[in-house]
Amino acid sequence: MPNSKKEICQIRIMFPVETDEQAIEYKKKITALLAEISDAQIQFSLMPIPNKPEAM
């Protein structure tokens, strides 16, 4: 009897980019790598890099 247990693999990767276009190109490459996984979901977002708190 095959194992019917299913789990989710979640990987969170954050890295700086110079432009929105560069980020979209990386997203396309990641999508291509995961193309063989029919149920794969990609959550894509761009956000500003948070300011580092200043030392007191």
Protein backbone atom coordinates (compact mmCIF):
# COMPACT_ATOMS: atom_id res chain seq x y z
CA MET A 1 0.00 0.00 0.00
CA PRO A 2 1.59 3.32 -1.05
CA ASN A 3 2.15 5.99 1.56
CA SER A 4 -0.74 8.46 1.24
CA LYS A 5 0.77 11.00 3.64
CA LYS A 6 1.34 14.33 1.92
CA GLU A 7 3.43 17.16 3.22
CA ILE A 8 4.32 20.63 2.00
CA CYS A 9 7.87 21.73 1.28
CA GLN A 10 8.18 25.49 1.71
CA ILE A 11 11.35 27.38 0.83
CA ARG A 12 11.64 31.10 1.48
CA ILE A 13 14.42 32.89 -0.38
CA MET A 14 15.10 36.62 -0.10
CA PHE A 15 17.78 38.48 -2.03
CA PRO A 16 18.40 42.03 -3.26
CA VAL A 17 17.77 43.01 -6.88
CA GLU A 18 18.59 46.17 -8.78
CA THR A 19 15.39 46.35 -10.85
CA ASP A 20 11.88 44.90 -11.04
CA GLU A 21 12.84 43.38 -14.38
CA GLN A 22 15.75 41.52 -12.80
CA ALA A 23 13.42 40.12 -10.12
CA ILE A 24 10.94 38.98 -12.77
CA GLU A 25 13.72 37.19 -14.69
CA TYR A 26 14.73 35.30 -11.53
CA LYS A 27 11.10 34.39 -10.93
CA LYS A 28 10.85 33.00 -14.49
CA LYS A 29 13.97 30.86 -13.92
CA ILE A 30 12.60 29.48 -10.66
CA THR A 31 9.25 28.77 -12.32
CA ALA A 32 11.03 26.84 -15.08
CA LEU A 33 12.92 24.75 -12.52
CA LEU A 34 9.67 23.80 -10.78
CA ALA A 35 7.69 23.17 -13.98
CA GLU A 36 7.74 19.38 -13.50
CA ILE A 37 5.87 19.72 -10.18
CA SER A 38 2.25 20.17 -11.24
CA ASP A 39 1.03 21.35 -7.83
CA ALA A 40 3.86 23.83 -7.22
CA GLN A 41 2.80 27.32 -6.21
CA ILE A 42 5.04 30.37 -6.33
CA GLN A 43 4.30 33.46 -4.27
CA PHE A 44 6.22 36.37 -5.77
CA SER A 45 6.54 39.84 -4.26
CA LEU A 46 8.82 42.84 -4.36
CA MET A 47 9.34 45.02 -1.31
CA PRO A 48 11.78 47.67 -0.16
CA ILE A 49 14.76 46.56 1.89
CA PRO A 50 14.02 47.51 5.51
CA ASN A 51 16.22 50.16 7.08
CA LYS A 52 18.65 48.84 9.66
CA PRO A 53 18.03 50.35 13.09
CA GLU A 54 20.67 52.86 14.08
CA ALA A 55 22.89 51.98 17.03
CA MET A 56 22.34 54.09 20.13
